N, C-alpha and C. Protein backbone atom coordinates (compact mmCIF):
# COMPACT_ATOMS: atom_id res chain seq x y z
N UNK A 1 67.48 112.51 100.31
CA UNK A 1 68.32 113.68 100.46
C UNK A 1 69.48 113.60 99.47
N UNK A 2 69.81 114.74 98.93
CA UNK A 2 70.96 114.82 98.05
C UNK A 2 72.18 115.17 98.89
N UNK A 3 73.23 114.37 98.73
CA UNK A 3 74.48 114.63 99.45
C UNK A 3 75.63 114.63 98.47
N UNK A 4 76.69 115.28 98.88
CA UNK A 4 77.90 115.37 98.08
C UNK A 4 79.05 114.79 98.90
N UNK A 5 79.76 113.85 98.32
CA UNK A 5 80.91 113.22 98.97
C UNK A 5 82.08 113.19 98.01
N UNK A 6 83.27 113.23 98.56
CA UNK A 6 84.45 112.93 97.76
C UNK A 6 84.88 111.55 98.20
N UNK A 7 84.73 110.58 97.30
CA UNK A 7 85.04 109.19 97.63
C UNK A 7 86.25 108.76 96.81
N UNK A 8 87.31 108.43 97.52
CA UNK A 8 88.56 108.01 96.86
C UNK A 8 89.01 109.02 95.81
N UNK A 9 88.86 110.30 96.15
CA UNK A 9 89.31 111.37 95.29
C UNK A 9 88.33 111.80 94.21
N UNK A 10 87.18 111.15 94.13
CA UNK A 10 86.19 111.46 93.10
C UNK A 10 84.95 112.08 93.75
N UNK A 11 84.55 113.22 93.24
CA UNK A 11 83.34 113.90 93.73
C UNK A 11 82.13 113.08 93.30
N UNK A 12 81.26 112.78 94.27
CA UNK A 12 80.05 111.98 93.99
C UNK A 12 78.83 112.69 94.56
N UNK A 13 77.77 112.70 93.81
CA UNK A 13 76.47 113.20 94.25
C UNK A 13 75.57 111.98 94.43
N UNK A 14 74.98 111.85 95.59
CA UNK A 14 74.12 110.71 95.86
C UNK A 14 72.77 111.19 96.35
N UNK A 15 71.75 110.47 95.99
CA UNK A 15 70.40 110.70 96.50
C UNK A 15 70.10 109.52 97.41
N UNK A 16 70.08 109.76 98.71
CA UNK A 16 69.91 108.67 99.67
C UNK A 16 68.78 108.97 100.65
N UNK A 17 68.17 107.92 101.13
CA UNK A 17 67.20 108.07 102.22
C UNK A 17 67.97 108.43 103.48
N UNK A 18 67.39 109.23 104.35
CA UNK A 18 68.09 109.64 105.58
C UNK A 18 68.55 108.47 106.44
N UNK A 19 67.88 107.35 106.36
CA UNK A 19 68.24 106.20 107.20
C UNK A 19 69.26 105.26 106.55
N UNK A 20 69.71 105.55 105.35
CA UNK A 20 70.66 104.68 104.64
C UNK A 20 72.03 104.80 105.26
N UNK A 21 72.64 103.66 105.55
CA UNK A 21 73.98 103.69 106.15
C UNK A 21 75.02 104.03 105.09
N UNK A 22 76.14 104.53 105.56
CA UNK A 22 77.25 104.81 104.67
C UNK A 22 77.71 103.53 103.98
N UNK A 23 77.74 102.43 104.73
CA UNK A 23 78.16 101.15 104.14
C UNK A 23 77.27 100.77 102.96
N UNK A 24 75.96 100.88 103.15
CA UNK A 24 75.04 100.53 102.07
C UNK A 24 75.18 101.48 100.88
N UNK A 25 75.36 102.77 101.16
CA UNK A 25 75.54 103.73 100.08
C UNK A 25 76.81 103.43 99.29
N UNK A 26 77.89 103.12 100.00
CA UNK A 26 79.15 102.80 99.31
C UNK A 26 79.01 101.54 98.46
N UNK A 27 78.44 100.51 99.04
CA UNK A 27 78.33 99.24 98.34
C UNK A 27 77.30 99.29 97.21
N UNK A 28 76.10 99.73 97.53
CA UNK A 28 75.00 99.62 96.58
C UNK A 28 74.91 100.80 95.61
N UNK A 29 75.16 102.00 96.08
CA UNK A 29 75.02 103.18 95.22
C UNK A 29 76.29 103.50 94.45
N UNK A 30 77.44 103.16 95.03
CA UNK A 30 78.72 103.50 94.40
C UNK A 30 79.46 102.28 93.84
N UNK A 31 78.98 101.08 94.14
CA UNK A 31 79.62 99.87 93.63
C UNK A 31 80.95 99.56 94.29
N UNK A 32 81.21 100.13 95.46
CA UNK A 32 82.48 99.91 96.17
C UNK A 32 82.29 98.78 97.17
N UNK A 33 82.34 97.56 96.66
CA UNK A 33 82.01 96.39 97.48
C UNK A 33 83.17 95.89 98.32
N UNK A 34 84.30 96.58 98.33
CA UNK A 34 85.40 96.21 99.21
C UNK A 34 85.07 96.48 100.67
N UNK A 35 84.12 97.37 100.91
CA UNK A 35 83.63 97.62 102.26
C UNK A 35 82.68 96.49 102.59
N UNK A 36 83.11 95.61 103.49
CA UNK A 36 82.31 94.42 103.81
C UNK A 36 81.37 94.66 104.98
N UNK A 37 80.24 94.01 104.93
CA UNK A 37 79.28 94.05 106.02
C UNK A 37 79.32 92.70 106.73
N UNK A 38 79.66 92.75 108.01
CA UNK A 38 79.69 91.53 108.81
C UNK A 38 78.55 91.53 109.79
N UNK A 39 78.77 92.13 110.92
CA UNK A 39 77.78 92.09 112.01
C UNK A 39 76.69 93.14 111.87
N UNK A 40 76.96 94.24 111.18
CA UNK A 40 76.06 95.38 111.04
C UNK A 40 75.65 95.98 112.39
N UNK A 41 76.52 95.80 113.39
CA UNK A 41 76.31 96.37 114.72
C UNK A 41 77.54 97.13 115.20
N UNK A 42 78.54 97.30 114.35
CA UNK A 42 79.75 98.03 114.71
C UNK A 42 80.74 97.24 115.53
N UNK A 43 80.57 95.94 115.63
CA UNK A 43 81.43 95.12 116.48
C UNK A 43 82.62 94.55 115.71
N UNK A 44 82.40 94.06 114.50
CA UNK A 44 83.44 93.30 113.81
C UNK A 44 84.49 94.16 113.11
N UNK A 45 84.12 95.35 112.64
CA UNK A 45 85.08 96.22 111.97
C UNK A 45 85.28 95.95 110.50
N UNK A 46 84.58 94.98 109.93
CA UNK A 46 84.76 94.66 108.50
C UNK A 46 84.38 95.83 107.60
N UNK A 47 83.53 96.71 108.10
CA UNK A 47 83.03 97.83 107.30
C UNK A 47 83.84 99.11 107.49
N UNK A 48 84.99 99.02 108.14
CA UNK A 48 85.77 100.22 108.45
C UNK A 48 86.23 100.94 107.19
N UNK A 49 85.96 102.24 107.16
CA UNK A 49 86.43 103.15 106.11
C UNK A 49 86.97 104.38 106.82
N UNK A 50 87.52 105.30 106.06
CA UNK A 50 87.99 106.56 106.64
C UNK A 50 87.08 107.69 106.18
N UNK A 51 86.62 108.48 107.14
CA UNK A 51 85.85 109.68 106.85
C UNK A 51 86.66 110.85 107.37
N UNK A 52 87.07 111.71 106.46
CA UNK A 52 87.93 112.85 106.80
C UNK A 52 89.16 112.40 107.59
N UNK A 53 89.72 111.26 107.19
CA UNK A 53 90.96 110.77 107.77
C UNK A 53 90.81 109.93 109.03
N UNK A 54 89.60 109.79 109.53
CA UNK A 54 89.37 109.03 110.75
C UNK A 54 88.71 107.70 110.40
N UNK A 55 89.19 106.61 110.98
CA UNK A 55 88.59 105.30 110.76
C UNK A 55 87.24 105.25 111.46
N UNK A 56 86.22 104.85 110.71
CA UNK A 56 84.86 104.75 111.26
C UNK A 56 84.22 103.44 110.80
N UNK A 57 83.25 102.99 111.56
CA UNK A 57 82.43 101.82 111.19
C UNK A 57 81.31 102.35 110.29
N UNK A 58 81.38 102.04 109.02
CA UNK A 58 80.42 102.61 108.09
C UNK A 58 79.02 102.02 108.24
N UNK A 59 78.89 100.91 108.97
CA UNK A 59 77.56 100.36 109.21
C UNK A 59 76.82 101.13 110.29
N UNK A 60 77.55 101.94 111.07
CA UNK A 60 76.95 102.71 112.15
C UNK A 60 76.74 104.18 111.80
N UNK A 61 77.17 104.56 110.62
CA UNK A 61 77.09 105.97 110.23
C UNK A 61 76.10 106.11 109.08
N UNK A 62 75.24 107.10 109.17
CA UNK A 62 74.33 107.37 108.08
C UNK A 62 75.08 108.11 106.98
N UNK A 63 74.75 107.82 105.75
CA UNK A 63 75.39 108.49 104.62
C UNK A 63 75.20 110.00 104.70
N UNK A 64 74.03 110.45 105.15
CA UNK A 64 73.78 111.90 105.21
C UNK A 64 74.69 112.59 106.21
N UNK A 65 75.21 111.86 107.19
CA UNK A 65 76.16 112.45 108.13
C UNK A 65 77.48 112.82 107.46
N UNK A 66 77.73 112.25 106.31
CA UNK A 66 78.99 112.45 105.61
C UNK A 66 78.90 113.51 104.52
N UNK A 67 77.76 114.16 104.41
CA UNK A 67 77.60 115.19 103.38
C UNK A 67 78.76 116.19 103.49
N UNK A 68 79.46 116.39 102.38
CA UNK A 68 80.58 117.32 102.34
C UNK A 68 81.90 116.72 102.81
N UNK A 69 81.90 115.45 103.17
CA UNK A 69 83.11 114.81 103.70
C UNK A 69 83.90 114.10 102.62
N UNK A 70 85.12 113.75 103.00
CA UNK A 70 85.99 112.94 102.17
C UNK A 70 85.99 111.53 102.74
N UNK A 71 85.66 110.56 101.90
CA UNK A 71 85.58 109.17 102.31
C UNK A 71 86.64 108.39 101.54
N UNK A 72 87.35 107.54 102.25
CA UNK A 72 88.36 106.69 101.63
C UNK A 72 88.01 105.24 101.96
N UNK A 73 87.88 104.44 100.93
CA UNK A 73 87.60 103.02 101.09
C UNK A 73 88.83 102.22 100.69
N UNK A 74 88.76 100.93 100.87
CA UNK A 74 89.90 100.08 100.52
C UNK A 74 90.24 100.20 99.03
N UNK A 75 89.24 100.49 98.21
CA UNK A 75 89.51 100.67 96.77
C UNK A 75 90.39 101.89 96.51
N UNK A 76 90.42 102.83 97.43
CA UNK A 76 91.23 104.04 97.28
C UNK A 76 92.52 104.01 98.07
N UNK A 77 92.88 102.85 98.59
CA UNK A 77 94.09 102.76 99.42
C UNK A 77 95.36 102.77 98.57
N UNK A 78 95.35 102.11 97.45
CA UNK A 78 96.53 102.07 96.58
C UNK A 78 96.79 103.46 95.99
N UNK A 79 97.99 103.67 95.53
CA UNK A 79 98.36 104.93 94.88
C UNK A 79 97.56 105.08 93.58
N UNK A 80 97.37 106.31 93.10
CA UNK A 80 96.62 106.52 91.86
C UNK A 80 97.18 105.74 90.66
N UNK A 81 98.49 105.46 90.67
CA UNK A 81 99.07 104.70 89.56
C UNK A 81 98.91 103.19 89.73
N UNK A 82 98.22 102.77 90.82
CA UNK A 82 97.98 101.35 91.05
C UNK A 82 99.00 100.68 91.95
N UNK A 83 100.04 101.42 92.36
CA UNK A 83 101.03 100.85 93.27
C UNK A 83 100.35 100.55 94.60
N UNK A 84 100.47 99.32 95.08
CA UNK A 84 99.81 98.97 96.34
C UNK A 84 100.33 99.82 97.49
N UNK A 85 99.44 100.09 98.43
CA UNK A 85 99.80 100.76 99.67
C UNK A 85 100.75 99.83 100.43
N UNK A 86 101.70 100.36 101.20
CA UNK A 86 102.60 99.50 101.97
C UNK A 86 101.85 98.47 102.83
N UNK A 87 100.69 98.82 103.35
CA UNK A 87 99.93 97.85 104.14
C UNK A 87 99.46 96.68 103.27
N UNK A 88 99.04 96.96 102.05
CA UNK A 88 98.60 95.89 101.16
C UNK A 88 99.76 94.95 100.84
N UNK A 89 100.92 95.52 100.58
CA UNK A 89 102.11 94.71 100.30
C UNK A 89 102.50 93.90 101.53
N UNK A 90 102.47 94.53 102.69
CA UNK A 90 102.87 93.86 103.93
C UNK A 90 101.89 92.75 104.30
N UNK A 91 100.59 92.97 104.10
CA UNK A 91 99.61 91.92 104.41
C UNK A 91 99.87 90.69 103.55
N UNK A 92 100.22 90.90 102.28
CA UNK A 92 100.53 89.76 101.41
C UNK A 92 101.84 89.10 101.84
N UNK A 93 102.85 89.89 102.15
CA UNK A 93 104.16 89.34 102.54
C UNK A 93 104.10 88.54 103.83
N UNK A 94 103.30 89.01 104.78
CA UNK A 94 103.23 88.38 106.09
C UNK A 94 102.10 87.36 106.20
N UNK A 95 101.41 87.11 105.10
CA UNK A 95 100.28 86.17 105.10
C UNK A 95 99.27 86.57 106.18
N UNK A 96 98.94 87.86 106.22
CA UNK A 96 98.07 88.42 107.24
C UNK A 96 96.60 88.33 106.86
N UNK A 97 96.30 87.47 105.92
CA UNK A 97 94.90 87.26 105.55
C UNK A 97 94.73 85.81 105.19
N UNK A 98 93.57 85.32 105.44
CA UNK A 98 93.26 83.97 105.00
C UNK A 98 92.01 84.02 104.15
N UNK A 99 90.85 84.11 104.78
CA UNK A 99 89.64 84.20 103.95
C UNK A 99 89.52 85.58 103.31
N UNK A 100 90.10 86.61 103.95
CA UNK A 100 90.12 87.96 103.40
C UNK A 100 88.91 88.81 103.73
N UNK A 101 87.91 88.26 104.38
CA UNK A 101 86.70 89.03 104.65
C UNK A 101 86.97 90.25 105.53
N UNK A 102 87.79 90.08 106.55
CA UNK A 102 88.06 91.18 107.49
C UNK A 102 89.16 92.12 106.98
N UNK A 103 89.90 91.71 105.98
CA UNK A 103 91.09 92.44 105.53
C UNK A 103 90.84 93.90 105.18
N UNK A 104 89.81 94.24 104.40
CA UNK A 104 89.62 95.67 104.09
C UNK A 104 89.46 96.53 105.34
N UNK A 105 88.74 96.03 106.33
CA UNK A 105 88.56 96.77 107.56
C UNK A 105 89.86 96.96 108.32
N UNK A 106 90.66 95.91 108.37
CA UNK A 106 91.97 96.02 109.03
C UNK A 106 92.87 96.99 108.29
N UNK A 107 92.87 96.93 106.96
CA UNK A 107 93.71 97.83 106.18
C UNK A 107 93.34 99.29 106.43
N UNK A 108 92.05 99.59 106.44
CA UNK A 108 91.61 100.97 106.62
C UNK A 108 91.84 101.45 108.05
N UNK A 109 91.65 100.57 109.02
CA UNK A 109 91.92 100.90 110.42
C UNK A 109 93.41 101.20 110.61
N UNK A 110 94.26 100.30 110.13
CA UNK A 110 95.70 100.46 110.30
C UNK A 110 96.24 101.66 109.53
N UNK A 111 95.72 101.90 108.33
CA UNK A 111 96.18 103.05 107.54
C UNK A 111 95.90 104.35 108.28
N UNK A 112 94.69 104.50 108.81
CA UNK A 112 94.35 105.71 109.55
C UNK A 112 95.21 105.86 110.80
N UNK A 113 95.41 104.75 111.51
CA UNK A 113 96.20 104.80 112.75
C UNK A 113 97.65 105.16 112.48
N UNK A 114 98.25 104.57 111.44
CA UNK A 114 99.65 104.86 111.13
C UNK A 114 99.83 106.26 110.57
N UNK A 115 98.83 106.76 109.85
CA UNK A 115 98.93 108.13 109.35
C UNK A 115 98.86 109.12 110.50
N UNK A 116 98.07 108.80 111.52
CA UNK A 116 97.95 109.67 112.68
C UNK A 116 99.15 109.53 113.62
N UNK A 117 99.66 108.30 113.78
CA UNK A 117 100.74 108.04 114.71
C UNK A 117 101.66 106.95 114.16
N UNK A 118 102.65 107.31 113.34
CA UNK A 118 103.55 106.32 112.76
C UNK A 118 104.30 105.49 113.81
N UNK A 119 104.49 106.04 114.99
CA UNK A 119 105.21 105.32 116.05
C UNK A 119 104.38 104.20 116.67
N UNK A 120 103.10 104.12 116.32
CA UNK A 120 102.25 103.08 116.87
C UNK A 120 102.82 101.69 116.61
N UNK A 121 103.46 101.51 115.47
CA UNK A 121 104.01 100.20 115.12
C UNK A 121 105.09 99.75 116.10
N UNK A 122 105.69 100.69 116.81
CA UNK A 122 106.72 100.35 117.79
C UNK A 122 106.17 100.22 119.20
N UNK A 123 104.87 100.28 119.34
CA UNK A 123 104.20 100.16 120.64
C UNK A 123 103.37 98.88 120.64
N UNK A 124 103.94 97.76 121.09
CA UNK A 124 103.23 96.48 121.01
C UNK A 124 101.86 96.49 121.69
N UNK A 125 101.76 97.14 122.85
CA UNK A 125 100.48 97.17 123.55
C UNK A 125 99.47 98.04 122.81
N UNK A 126 99.90 99.19 122.32
CA UNK A 126 99.01 100.07 121.58
C UNK A 126 98.54 99.44 120.29
N UNK A 127 99.46 98.76 119.59
CA UNK A 127 99.11 98.09 118.34
C UNK A 127 98.14 96.95 118.61
N UNK A 128 98.40 96.19 119.65
CA UNK A 128 97.50 95.08 120.01
C UNK A 128 96.10 95.62 120.32
N UNK A 129 96.05 96.69 121.10
CA UNK A 129 94.75 97.27 121.45
C UNK A 129 94.01 97.75 120.21
N UNK A 130 94.72 98.43 119.32
CA UNK A 130 94.10 98.90 118.09
C UNK A 130 93.52 97.73 117.29
N UNK A 131 94.33 96.73 117.05
CA UNK A 131 93.92 95.65 116.15
C UNK A 131 92.85 94.76 116.75
N UNK A 132 92.76 94.67 118.06
CA UNK A 132 91.70 93.84 118.65
C UNK A 132 90.34 94.52 118.57
N UNK A 133 90.29 95.75 118.07
CA UNK A 133 89.00 96.40 117.88
C UNK A 133 88.28 95.84 116.65
N UNK A 134 89.00 95.15 115.77
CA UNK A 134 88.41 94.47 114.63
C UNK A 134 88.51 92.97 114.88
N UNK A 135 87.57 92.23 114.32
CA UNK A 135 87.55 90.79 114.53
C UNK A 135 88.05 90.02 113.30
N UNK A 136 88.85 89.01 113.56
CA UNK A 136 89.31 88.08 112.54
C UNK A 136 89.15 86.68 113.10
N UNK A 137 88.52 85.81 112.35
CA UNK A 137 88.30 84.45 112.81
C UNK A 137 89.34 83.48 112.25
N UNK A 138 90.25 83.96 111.40
CA UNK A 138 91.16 83.05 110.71
C UNK A 138 92.62 83.15 111.14
N UNK A 139 93.16 84.37 111.33
CA UNK A 139 94.61 84.52 111.40
C UNK A 139 95.22 84.48 112.78
N UNK A 140 94.46 84.75 113.81
CA UNK A 140 95.04 84.81 115.15
C UNK A 140 95.76 86.11 115.44
N UNK A 141 95.71 87.08 114.57
CA UNK A 141 96.20 88.44 114.74
C UNK A 141 97.72 88.62 114.67
N UNK A 142 98.51 87.62 114.96
CA UNK A 142 99.96 87.81 114.97
C UNK A 142 100.48 88.25 113.60
N UNK A 143 100.01 87.61 112.56
CA UNK A 143 100.44 87.99 111.21
C UNK A 143 99.98 89.41 110.86
N UNK A 144 98.82 89.79 111.35
CA UNK A 144 98.32 91.15 111.10
C UNK A 144 99.22 92.16 111.81
N UNK A 145 99.58 91.88 113.06
CA UNK A 145 100.50 92.78 113.79
C UNK A 145 101.84 92.88 113.06
N UNK A 146 102.36 91.76 112.61
CA UNK A 146 103.64 91.78 111.88
C UNK A 146 103.52 92.59 110.60
N UNK A 147 102.40 92.48 109.92
CA UNK A 147 102.19 93.21 108.67
C UNK A 147 102.14 94.71 108.91
N UNK A 148 101.46 95.13 109.96
CA UNK A 148 101.38 96.57 110.26
C UNK A 148 102.77 97.10 110.60
N UNK A 149 103.54 96.33 111.36
CA UNK A 149 104.90 96.76 111.69
C UNK A 149 105.76 96.84 110.43
N UNK A 150 105.64 95.85 109.55
CA UNK A 150 106.40 95.87 108.30
C UNK A 150 106.00 97.06 107.43
N UNK A 151 104.72 97.33 107.34
CA UNK A 151 104.26 98.46 106.54
C UNK A 151 104.80 99.78 107.08
N UNK A 152 104.82 99.91 108.38
CA UNK A 152 105.38 101.14 108.99
C UNK A 152 106.86 101.26 108.65
N UNK A 153 107.58 100.16 108.72
CA UNK A 153 109.00 100.17 108.38
C UNK A 153 109.20 100.50 106.89
N UNK A 154 108.34 99.95 106.03
CA UNK A 154 108.44 100.22 104.60
C UNK A 154 108.19 101.70 104.31
N UNK A 155 107.23 102.28 104.99
CA UNK A 155 106.94 103.71 104.78
C UNK A 155 108.08 104.57 105.28
N UNK A 156 108.71 104.16 106.38
CA UNK A 156 109.83 104.94 106.94
C UNK A 156 111.06 104.88 106.05
N UNK A 157 111.21 103.80 105.29
CA UNK A 157 112.37 103.67 104.40
C UNK A 157 112.03 104.04 102.96
N UNK A 158 110.76 104.39 102.71
CA UNK A 158 110.35 104.79 101.37
C UNK A 158 110.06 103.64 100.46
N UNK A 159 110.02 102.40 100.98
CA UNK A 159 109.74 101.23 100.15
C UNK A 159 108.26 100.99 99.99
N UNK A 160 107.93 100.09 99.07
CA UNK A 160 106.53 99.70 98.88
C UNK A 160 106.38 98.22 98.98
């Protein structure tokens, strides 16, 4: 099937089999390997991307379901001039990554959540619930929570 997507601001035409996942299309057809595949069952969250502004598990979504949609991957998180997104800066500042495998999924999940509800960073229980939807085997989540809070504060003050 021929589908049309806007991926990280770029219009893309793809010819995909109906059963091809969005994750595989992004990685293999578009070369966007920042979307990681972990469990391929929607449990770990490493494959999280944004489709029309909503965080989704790209391993559970067929590429054809996204025909006509806007997709944002971790490669499209930074500003067009290359300035890192506040979350990227905060993850580095707070040492919120170790092996880095889960990081793209956390970045895309947190970016969508903060864009929808900037006050989430001030809700410890809500933030904890959000972040436990993705799995990390290295950091223990505290540094990730601190990074999301820092990124929200940076966005509120206009910093990067």
